[in-house]
Amino acid sequence: MPVLESIENDIKQLPRDAALELQDWLADYLDDQEELSPEFVDAIERGKCDLEEGRVRVLRSDNS
């Protein structure tokens, strides 16, 4: 049995509370992975370069 199929079968056996807790954990885990992806790091580096070189947008409020 493939690993994913085995995990899916195990999850189906969980009580609803535990499945919801697992759902929260998995969402947090995936968010953490996304935060450290190479694409995310590249975007941060590009943003830092833009700031250092003065390539920024200034948002002006109508209330000022």
C-alpha atoms as a PDB file:
ATOM      1  CA  MET A   1       0.000   0.000   0.000  1.00  0.00           C
ATOM      2  CA  PRO A   2       1.472   3.402  -0.935  1.00  0.00           C
ATOM      3  CA  VAL A   3       2.336   5.695   1.966  1.00  0.00           C
ATOM      4  CA  LEU A   4      -0.254   8.377   1.131  1.00  0.00           C
ATOM      5  CA  GLU A   5      -3.043   5.804   0.909  1.00  0.00           C
ATOM      6  CA  SER A   6      -2.000   4.412   4.294  1.00  0.00           C
ATOM      7  CA  ILE A   7      -2.032   7.896   5.843  1.00  0.00           C
ATOM      8  CA  GLU A   8      -5.451   8.621   4.346  1.00  0.00           C
ATOM      9  CA  ASN A   9      -6.824   5.399   5.829  1.00  0.00           C
ATOM     10  CA  ASP A  10      -5.385   6.283   9.241  1.00  0.00           C
ATOM     11  CA  ILE A  11      -6.915   9.762   9.087  1.00  0.00           C
ATOM     12  CA  LYS A  12     -10.341   8.292   8.302  1.00  0.00           C
ATOM     13  CA  GLN A  13     -10.139   6.425  11.617  1.00  0.00           C
ATOM     14  CA  LEU A  14      -9.593   9.604  13.655  1.00  0.00           C
ATOM     15  CA  PRO A  15     -12.377  11.149  15.718  1.00  0.00           C
ATOM     16  CA  ARG A  16     -13.600  14.474  14.333  1.00  0.00           C
ATOM     17  CA  ASP A  17     -11.808  16.507  17.038  1.00  0.00           C
ATOM     18  CA  ALA A  18      -8.487  14.877  16.201  1.00  0.00           C
ATOM     19  CA  ALA A  19      -9.052  15.334  12.461  1.00  0.00           C
ATOM     20  CA  LEU A  20      -9.711  19.054  12.987  1.00  0.00           C
ATOM     21  CA  GLU A  21      -6.575  19.318  15.114  1.00  0.00           C
ATOM     22  CA  LEU A  22      -4.633  17.579  12.347  1.00  0.00           C
ATOM     23  CA  GLN A  23      -6.125  19.982   9.799  1.00  0.00           C
ATOM     24  CA  ASP A  24      -4.877  22.970  11.823  1.00  0.00           C
ATOM     25  CA  TRP A  25      -1.447  21.408  12.230  1.00  0.00           C
ATOM     26  CA  LEU A  26      -1.180  20.641   8.499  1.00  0.00           C
ATOM     27  CA  ALA A  27      -2.226  24.195   7.567  1.00  0.00           C
ATOM     28  CA  ASP A  28       0.439  25.614   9.905  1.00  0.00           C
ATOM     29  CA  TYR A  29       3.034  23.198   8.541  1.00  0.00           C
ATOM     30  CA  LEU A  30       2.286  24.152   4.942  1.00  0.00           C
ATOM     31  CA  ASP A  31       2.341  27.864   5.783  1.00  0.00           C
ATOM     32  CA  ASP A  32       5.750  27.441   7.398  1.00  0.00           C
ATOM     33  CA  GLN A  33       7.053  25.608   4.337  1.00  0.00           C
ATOM     34  CA  GLU A  34       5.731  28.318   2.023  1.00  0.00           C
ATOM     35  CA  GLU A  35       7.329  31.043   4.106  1.00  0.00           C
ATOM     36  CA  LEU A  36      10.756  29.522   3.544  1.00  0.00           C
ATOM     37  CA  SER A  37      10.368  28.549  -0.103  1.00  0.00           C
ATOM     38  CA  PRO A  38      13.071  29.738  -2.502  1.00  0.00           C
ATOM     39  CA  GLU A  39      10.493  31.896  -4.288  1.00  0.00           C
ATOM     40  CA  PHE A  40       9.561  33.630  -1.041  1.00  0.00           C
ATOM     41  CA  VAL A  41      13.206  34.254  -0.113  1.00  0.00           C
ATOM     42  CA  ASP A  42      13.875  35.629  -3.628  1.00  0.00           C
ATOM     43  CA  ALA A  43      10.902  37.987  -3.315  1.00  0.00           C
ATOM     44  CA  ILE A  44      12.215  39.299   0.000  1.00  0.00           C
ATOM     45  CA  GLU A  45      15.672  39.828  -1.467  1.00  0.00           C
ATOM     46  CA  ARG A  46      14.219  41.712  -4.462  1.00  0.00           C
ATOM     47  CA  GLY A  47      12.219  43.888  -2.089  1.00  0.00           C
ATOM     48  CA  LYS A  48      15.292  44.678  -0.017  1.00  0.00           C
ATOM     49  CA  CYS A  49      17.210  45.674  -3.177  1.00  0.00           C
ATOM     50  CA  ASP A  50      14.319  47.880  -4.304  1.00  0.00           C
ATOM     51  CA  LEU A  51      14.320  49.669  -0.937  1.00  0.00           C
ATOM     52  CA  GLU A  52      18.091  50.118  -0.956  1.00  0.00           C
ATOM     53  CA  GLU A  53      17.966  51.577  -4.488  1.00  0.00           C
ATOM     54  CA  GLY A  54      15.044  53.871  -3.737  1.00  0.00           C
ATOM     55  CA  ARG A  55      12.513  52.034  -5.900  1.00  0.00           C
ATOM     56  CA  VAL A  56       9.530  52.431  -3.592  1.00  0.00           C
ATOM     57  CA  ARG A  57       5.956  53.614  -3.802  1.00  0.00           C
ATOM     58  CA  VAL A  58       4.591  56.064  -1.291  1.00  0.00           C
ATOM     59  CA  LEU A  59       0.903  55.735  -0.557  1.00  0.00           C
ATOM     60  CA  ARG A  60      -0.714  59.049   0.226  1.00  0.00           C
ATOM     61  CA  SER A  61      -3.808  59.266   2.320  1.00  0.00           C
ATOM     62  CA  ASP A  62      -6.613  61.617   1.309  1.00  0.00           C
ATOM     63  CA  ASN A  63      -6.889  62.518   4.984  1.00  0.00           C
ATOM     64  CA  SER A  64      -3.503  64.270   5.203  1.00  0.00           C
END
